Amino acid sequence: MFYNSILKRNLDLHSRTNDARKALDNDVILHYRCFKQTWSNTNAIWDHPDAISGQGFTTERVAVFYGKKGSAAVFVAGVLAYVIDHPNQKFKDDVHANNMTYANVAKDVYERSFHHTHDFWETIK
């Protein structure tokens, strides 16, 4: 109970909380993590037409919000970079290492695959 009240108060103070809730289809935000990261290609950080263009190093603040349903929203410099619906272990490892990938490849790298070589019904017998 005490932990939840501190968490709620801290989330409400974060400037991106409402944006994250919208990005995650109004899911309840469980927690978030913030860190600074440096990229070598400023053009590939954001995957939208208004992206900053250029070559060089840039350091920006990254905020990763986790929804109760399992999705995660990644903000770079206060702008929504991407949403991962089913994060895989690579996503969790990269968040822990403070080293997120670029938006243009994020879905391919971080989205958990549900394709299995075994038939689902065979595994639950």
C-alpha atoms as a PDB file:
ATOM      1  CA  MET A   1       0.000   0.000   0.000  1.00  0.00           C
ATOM      2  CA  PHE A   2       2.732   2.460   0.947  1.00  0.00           C
ATOM      3  CA  TYR A   3       4.693   1.580  -2.222  1.00  0.00           C
ATOM      4  CA  ASN A   4       1.639   2.115  -4.429  1.00  0.00           C
ATOM      5  CA  SER A   5       0.902   5.551  -2.957  1.00  0.00           C
ATOM      6  CA  ILE A   6       4.509   6.680  -3.553  1.00  0.00           C
ATOM      7  CA  LEU A   7       4.437   5.232  -7.059  1.00  0.00           C
ATOM      8  CA  LYS A   8       1.139   6.949  -7.896  1.00  0.00           C
ATOM      9  CA  ARG A   9       2.362  10.298  -6.589  1.00  0.00           C
ATOM     10  CA  ASN A  10       5.619  10.033  -8.557  1.00  0.00           C
ATOM     11  CA  LEU A  11       3.794   9.017 -11.739  1.00  0.00           C
ATOM     12  CA  ASP A  12       1.362  11.902 -11.411  1.00  0.00           C
ATOM     13  CA  LEU A  13       4.307  14.293 -11.149  1.00  0.00           C
ATOM     14  CA  HIS A  14       5.911  12.965 -14.344  1.00  0.00           C
ATOM     15  CA  SER A  15       5.126  15.262 -17.276  1.00  0.00           C
ATOM     16  CA  ARG A  16       4.642  12.391 -19.772  1.00  0.00           C
ATOM     17  CA  THR A  17       2.230  10.267 -17.716  1.00  0.00           C
ATOM     18  CA  ASN A  18      -0.938  11.437 -19.491  1.00  0.00           C
ATOM     19  CA  ASP A  19       0.732  11.079 -22.909  1.00  0.00           C
ATOM     20  CA  ALA A  20       1.824   7.557 -21.976  1.00  0.00           C
ATOM     21  CA  ARG A  21      -1.695   6.626 -20.879  1.00  0.00           C
ATOM     22  CA  LYS A  22      -3.021   7.794 -24.254  1.00  0.00           C
ATOM     23  CA  ALA A  23      -0.284   5.915 -26.139  1.00  0.00           C
ATOM     24  CA  LEU A  24      -1.125   2.748 -24.221  1.00  0.00           C
ATOM     25  CA  ASP A  25      -4.889   3.067 -24.894  1.00  0.00           C
ATOM     26  CA  ASN A  26      -5.614   4.531 -21.447  1.00  0.00           C
ATOM     27  CA  ASP A  27      -4.003   1.580 -19.706  1.00  0.00           C
ATOM     28  CA  VAL A  28      -3.038   1.983 -16.066  1.00  0.00           C
ATOM     29  CA  ILE A  29       0.637   2.901 -15.836  1.00  0.00           C
ATOM     30  CA  LEU A  30       2.371   0.551 -13.411  1.00  0.00           C
ATOM     31  CA  HIS A  31       5.799   2.137 -13.394  1.00  0.00           C
ATOM     32  CA  TYR A  32       8.338   3.935 -15.517  1.00  0.00           C
ATOM     33  CA  ARG A  33      12.067   4.268 -15.957  1.00  0.00           C
ATOM     34  CA  CYS A  34      14.018   7.340 -17.064  1.00  0.00           C
ATOM     35  CA  PHE A  35      17.595   7.613 -18.251  1.00  0.00           C
ATOM     36  CA  LYS A  36      19.806   9.526 -20.700  1.00  0.00           C
ATOM     37  CA  GLN A  37      21.057   7.861 -23.862  1.00  0.00           C
ATOM     38  CA  THR A  38      23.399   8.917 -26.650  1.00  0.00           C
ATOM     39  CA  TRP A  39      22.694   7.988 -30.273  1.00  0.00           C
ATOM     40  CA  SER A  40      25.054   8.215 -33.214  1.00  0.00           C
ATOM     41  CA  ASN A  41      22.382   8.837 -35.872  1.00  0.00           C
ATOM     42  CA  THR A  42      19.947  11.599 -34.965  1.00  0.00           C
ATOM     43  CA  ASN A  43      17.760  10.924 -38.011  1.00  0.00           C
ATOM     44  CA  ALA A  44      16.717   7.435 -36.878  1.00  0.00           C
ATOM     45  CA  ILE A  45      15.772   8.171 -33.261  1.00  0.00           C
ATOM     46  CA  TRP A  46      12.221   9.212 -34.131  1.00  0.00           C
ATOM     47  CA  ASP A  47      10.250   7.531 -36.874  1.00  0.00           C
ATOM     48  CA  HIS A  48       8.015  10.352 -38.102  1.00  0.00           C
ATOM     49  CA  PRO A  49       8.193  13.155 -40.715  1.00  0.00           C
ATOM     50  CA  ASP A  50       9.001  15.914 -38.185  1.00  0.00           C
ATOM     51  CA  ALA A  51      12.109  14.075 -36.990  1.00  0.00           C
ATOM     52  CA  ILE A  52      15.347  15.926 -36.433  1.00  0.00           C
ATOM     53  CA  SER A  53      17.598  15.257 -39.373  1.00  0.00           C
ATOM     54  CA  GLY A  54      21.359  15.100 -39.340  1.00  0.00           C
ATOM     55  CA  GLN A  55      24.403  13.036 -38.582  1.00  0.00           C
ATOM     56  CA  GLY A  56      26.217  13.308 -35.301  1.00  0.00           C
ATOM     57  CA  PHE A  57      25.865  12.393 -31.661  1.00  0.00           C
ATOM     58  CA  THR A  58      22.938  13.476 -29.561  1.00  0.00           C
ATOM     59  CA  THR A  59      22.063  12.728 -25.945  1.00  0.00           C
ATOM     60  CA  GLU A  60      18.403  12.760 -24.976  1.00  0.00           C
ATOM     61  CA  ARG A  61      16.335  11.713 -21.982  1.00  0.00           C
ATOM     62  CA  VAL A  62      14.434   8.459 -22.469  1.00  0.00           C
ATOM     63  CA  ALA A  63      11.308   7.551 -20.495  1.00  0.00           C
ATOM     64  CA  VAL A  64       9.842   4.054 -20.688  1.00  0.00           C
ATOM     65  CA  PHE A  65       6.314   3.610 -19.298  1.00  0.00           C
ATOM     66  CA  TYR A  66       4.871   0.174 -18.573  1.00  0.00           C
ATOM     67  CA  GLY A  67       1.134  -0.434 -18.726  1.00  0.00           C
ATOM     68  CA  LYS A  68      -0.759  -2.937 -16.629  1.00  0.00           C
ATOM     69  CA  LYS A  69      -1.707  -4.923 -19.753  1.00  0.00           C
ATOM     70  CA  GLY A  70       1.966  -5.460 -20.656  1.00  0.00           C
ATOM     71  CA  SER A  71       2.563  -2.776 -23.278  1.00  0.00           C
ATOM     72  CA  ALA A  72       5.376  -0.243 -23.049  1.00  0.00           C
ATOM     73  CA  ALA A  73       5.612   3.309 -24.419  1.00  0.00           C
ATOM     74  CA  VAL A  74       9.049   4.775 -25.138  1.00  0.00           C
ATOM     75  CA  PHE A  75       9.493   8.553 -25.140  1.00  0.00           C
ATOM     76  CA  VAL A  76      12.658  10.265 -26.360  1.00  0.00           C
ATOM     77  CA  ALA A  77      13.145  13.936 -25.480  1.00  0.00           C
ATOM     78  CA  GLY A  78       9.499  14.134 -24.418  1.00  0.00           C
ATOM     79  CA  VAL A  79       8.195  12.813 -27.766  1.00  0.00           C
ATOM     80  CA  LEU A  80       6.541   9.408 -28.169  1.00  0.00           C
ATOM     81  CA  ALA A  81       9.032   7.349 -30.179  1.00  0.00           C
ATOM     82  CA  TYR A  82       7.224   3.989 -30.221  1.00  0.00           C
ATOM     83  CA  VAL A  83       4.888   1.602 -28.405  1.00  0.00           C
ATOM     84  CA  ILE A  84       5.704  -2.070 -27.953  1.00  0.00           C
ATOM     85  CA  ASP A  85       2.580  -4.154 -27.387  1.00  0.00           C
ATOM     86  CA  HIS A  86       4.284  -7.381 -26.277  1.00  0.00           C
ATOM     87  CA  PRO A  87       7.855  -6.633 -25.130  1.00  0.00           C
ATOM     88  CA  ASN A  88      10.336  -9.480 -25.443  1.00  0.00           C
ATOM     89  CA  GLN A  89      13.384 -10.215 -23.290  1.00  0.00           C
ATOM     90  CA  LYS A  90      15.620  -8.060 -25.542  1.00  0.00           C
ATOM     91  CA  PHE A  91      13.437  -5.046 -24.723  1.00  0.00           C
ATOM     92  CA  LYS A  92      13.762  -5.714 -20.993  1.00  0.00           C
ATOM     93  CA  ASP A  93      17.523  -6.197 -21.296  1.00  0.00           C
ATOM     94  CA  ASP A  94      17.934  -2.949 -23.258  1.00  0.00           C
ATOM     95  CA  VAL A  95      15.870  -0.958 -20.743  1.00  0.00           C
ATOM     96  CA  HIS A  96      18.004  -2.380 -17.950  1.00  0.00           C
ATOM     97  CA  ALA A  97      21.177  -1.454 -19.895  1.00  0.00           C
ATOM     98  CA  ASN A  98      19.817   2.055 -20.735  1.00  0.00           C
ATOM     99  CA  ASN A  99      20.348   1.325 -24.414  1.00  0.00           C
ATOM    100  CA  MET A 100      17.146   1.487 -26.480  1.00  0.00           C
ATOM    101  CA  THR A 101      17.098   0.879 -30.225  1.00  0.00           C
ATOM    102  CA  TYR A 102      16.004   3.296 -32.939  1.00  0.00           C
ATOM    103  CA  ALA A 103      12.303   3.786 -33.697  1.00  0.00           C
ATOM    104  CA  ASN A 104      12.579   2.575 -37.285  1.00  0.00           C
ATOM    105  CA  VAL A 105      13.536  -0.962 -36.157  1.00  0.00           C
ATOM    106  CA  ALA A 106      11.955  -1.103 -32.688  1.00  0.00           C
ATOM    107  CA  LYS A 107       8.942  -3.276 -33.597  1.00  0.00           C
ATOM    108  CA  ASP A 108      11.158  -5.841 -35.348  1.00  0.00           C
ATOM    109  CA  VAL A 109      13.649  -5.972 -32.480  1.00  0.00           C
ATOM    110  CA  TYR A 110      11.385  -5.695 -29.434  1.00  0.00           C
ATOM    111  CA  GLU A 111       8.000  -7.187 -30.313  1.00  0.00           C
ATOM    112  CA  ARG A 112       7.573 -10.689 -28.889  1.00  0.00           C
ATOM    113  CA  SER A 113       6.772 -13.253 -31.545  1.00  0.00           C
ATOM    114  CA  PHE A 114       3.935 -15.683 -30.971  1.00  0.00           C
ATOM    115  CA  HIS A 115       4.911 -18.013 -33.801  1.00  0.00           C
ATOM    116  CA  HIS A 116       5.867 -21.369 -32.347  1.00  0.00           C
ATOM    117  CA  THR A 117       7.143 -24.468 -34.052  1.00  0.00           C
ATOM    118  CA  HIS A 118       4.912 -26.597 -31.836  1.00  0.00           C
ATOM    119  CA  ASP A 119       1.180 -26.627 -32.016  1.00  0.00           C
ATOM    120  CA  PHE A 120      -0.326 -24.803 -29.030  1.00  0.00           C
ATOM    121  CA  TRP A 121      -2.731 -27.596 -28.211  1.00  0.00           C
ATOM    122  CA  GLU A 122       0.099 -30.130 -28.222  1.00  0.00           C
ATOM    123  CA  THR A 123       1.981 -28.187 -25.538  1.00  0.00           C
ATOM    124  CA  ILE A 124      -0.915 -28.080 -23.074  1.00  0.00           C
ATOM    125  CA  LYS A 125      -1.778 -31.786 -23.199  1.00  0.00           C
END
